[in-house]
Amino acid sequence: MDQIVERINSLYHKSQAGGLTEEEKDEQQRLRRVYLDAIKGNLQSQLEYVGLEKNREAEGAGCTCHSCNCGKHHH
């Protein structure tokens, strides 16, 4: 992902300095889409995980902090 971000930034700076070729514009759009899709995928996974944790708490699975072992729902 770091390489994608570096390339996006490089293309941005080039566009500001003098413009991009059509191929570079296409590459920039493609890389931006890849980056945004990855961000959306990560967010989706995090939201699903939070939803699963909340469901476990609601079903009486006990404390989810994994440090106090109290068995209570204090989160």
C-alpha atoms as a PDB file:
ATOM      1  CA  MET A   1       0.000   0.000   0.000  1.00  0.00           C
ATOM      2  CA  ASP A   2       2.903   2.351   0.748  1.00  0.00           C
ATOM      3  CA  GLN A   3       4.109   2.053  -2.840  1.00  0.00           C
ATOM      4  CA  ILE A   4       0.655   2.944  -4.141  1.00  0.00           C
ATOM      5  CA  VAL A   5       0.495   6.031  -1.934  1.00  0.00           C
ATOM      6  CA  GLU A   6       3.997   7.071  -3.009  1.00  0.00           C
ATOM      7  CA  ARG A   7       3.047   6.740  -6.673  1.00  0.00           C
ATOM      8  CA  ILE A   8      -0.217   8.658  -6.184  1.00  0.00           C
ATOM      9  CA  ASN A   9       1.714  11.453  -4.488  1.00  0.00           C
ATOM     10  CA  SER A  10       4.355  11.441  -7.198  1.00  0.00           C
ATOM     11  CA  LEU A  11       1.731  11.759  -9.905  1.00  0.00           C
ATOM     12  CA  TYR A  12       0.006  14.529  -7.987  1.00  0.00           C
ATOM     13  CA  HIS A  13       3.216  16.537  -7.684  1.00  0.00           C
ATOM     14  CA  LYS A  14       3.961  15.990 -11.361  1.00  0.00           C
ATOM     15  CA  SER A  15       0.464  17.182 -12.278  1.00  0.00           C
ATOM     16  CA  GLN A  16       1.030  20.360 -10.282  1.00  0.00           C
ATOM     17  CA  ALA A  17       4.438  20.981 -11.839  1.00  0.00           C
ATOM     18  CA  GLY A  18       3.568  20.550 -15.460  1.00  0.00           C
ATOM     19  CA  GLY A  19       0.840  18.081 -16.161  1.00  0.00           C
ATOM     20  CA  LEU A  20       0.387  14.404 -16.779  1.00  0.00           C
ATOM     21  CA  THR A  21       0.212  12.339 -19.933  1.00  0.00           C
ATOM     22  CA  GLU A  22      -3.063  10.554 -20.633  1.00  0.00           C
ATOM     23  CA  GLU A  23      -1.454   7.294 -19.511  1.00  0.00           C
ATOM     24  CA  GLU A  24      -0.386   8.885 -16.236  1.00  0.00           C
ATOM     25  CA  LYS A  25      -3.871  10.323 -15.703  1.00  0.00           C
ATOM     26  CA  ASP A  26      -5.325   6.851 -16.212  1.00  0.00           C
ATOM     27  CA  GLU A  27      -2.763   5.368 -13.829  1.00  0.00           C
ATOM     28  CA  GLN A  28      -3.524   8.048 -11.242  1.00  0.00           C
ATOM     29  CA  GLN A  29      -7.258   7.312 -11.391  1.00  0.00           C
ATOM     30  CA  ARG A  30      -6.679   3.555 -11.224  1.00  0.00           C
ATOM     31  CA  LEU A  31      -4.342   3.873  -8.227  1.00  0.00           C
ATOM     32  CA  ARG A  32      -6.751   6.188  -6.437  1.00  0.00           C
ATOM     33  CA  ARG A  33      -9.522   3.616  -6.945  1.00  0.00           C
ATOM     34  CA  VAL A  34      -7.303   0.816  -5.596  1.00  0.00           C
ATOM     35  CA  TYR A  35      -6.421   2.946  -2.576  1.00  0.00           C
ATOM     36  CA  LEU A  36     -10.020   3.942  -1.847  1.00  0.00           C
ATOM     37  CA  ASP A  37     -11.237   0.361  -2.248  1.00  0.00           C
ATOM     38  CA  ALA A  38      -8.611  -0.796   0.250  1.00  0.00           C
ATOM     39  CA  ILE A  39      -9.646   1.903   2.733  1.00  0.00           C
ATOM     40  CA  LYS A  40     -13.308   0.992   2.330  1.00  0.00           C
ATOM     41  CA  GLY A  41     -12.510  -2.697   2.769  1.00  0.00           C
ATOM     42  CA  ASN A  42     -10.576  -2.038   5.969  1.00  0.00           C
ATOM     43  CA  LEU A  43     -13.360   0.137   7.344  1.00  0.00           C
ATOM     44  CA  GLN A  44     -15.950  -2.502   6.467  1.00  0.00           C
ATOM     45  CA  SER A  45     -13.927  -5.157   8.292  1.00  0.00           C
ATOM     46  CA  GLN A  46     -13.571  -2.961  11.362  1.00  0.00           C
ATOM     47  CA  LEU A  47     -17.282  -2.185  11.431  1.00  0.00           C
ATOM     48  CA  GLU A  48     -18.154  -5.862  11.076  1.00  0.00           C
ATOM     49  CA  TYR A  49     -15.774  -6.718  13.925  1.00  0.00           C
ATOM     50  CA  VAL A  50     -17.314  -4.072  16.163  1.00  0.00           C
ATOM     51  CA  GLY A  51     -20.744  -5.424  15.285  1.00  0.00           C
ATOM     52  CA  LEU A  52     -19.672  -8.951  16.209  1.00  0.00           C
ATOM     53  CA  GLU A  53     -18.263  -7.763  19.533  1.00  0.00           C
ATOM     54  CA  LYS A  54     -21.470  -5.900  20.341  1.00  0.00           C
ATOM     55  CA  ASN A  55     -23.516  -8.992  19.471  1.00  0.00           C
ATOM     56  CA  ARG A  56     -21.383 -11.149  21.779  1.00  0.00           C
ATOM     57  CA  GLU A  57     -21.872  -8.672  24.614  1.00  0.00           C
ATOM     58  CA  ALA A  58     -25.617  -8.596  23.996  1.00  0.00           C
ATOM     59  CA  GLU A  59     -25.746 -12.405  24.040  1.00  0.00           C
ATOM     60  CA  GLY A  60     -24.069 -12.523  27.438  1.00  0.00           C
ATOM     61  CA  ALA A  61     -20.559 -13.437  26.419  1.00  0.00           C
ATOM     62  CA  GLY A  62     -19.222 -11.320  29.262  1.00  0.00           C
ATOM     63  CA  CYS A  63     -16.498  -8.745  29.376  1.00  0.00           C
ATOM     64  CA  THR A  64     -14.536  -8.237  26.187  1.00  0.00           C
ATOM     65  CA  CYS A  65     -11.637  -6.249  27.572  1.00  0.00           C
ATOM     66  CA  HIS A  66      -9.707  -9.525  28.071  1.00  0.00           C
ATOM     67  CA  SER A  67      -7.867  -8.094  31.042  1.00  0.00           C
ATOM     68  CA  CYS A  68     -10.203  -8.003  34.002  1.00  0.00           C
ATOM     69  CA  ASN A  69     -11.998 -11.356  33.538  1.00  0.00           C
ATOM     70  CA  CYS A  70     -14.919  -9.988  35.508  1.00  0.00           C
ATOM     71  CA  GLY A  71     -17.619 -11.442  33.296  1.00  0.00           C
ATOM     72  CA  LYS A  72     -19.552  -8.177  33.416  1.00  0.00           C
ATOM     73  CA  HIS A  73     -20.735  -5.925  30.616  1.00  0.00           C
ATOM     74  CA  HIS A  74     -18.981  -2.685  31.507  1.00  0.00           C
ATOM     75  CA  HIS A  75     -18.061  -1.582  28.002  1.00  0.00           C
END
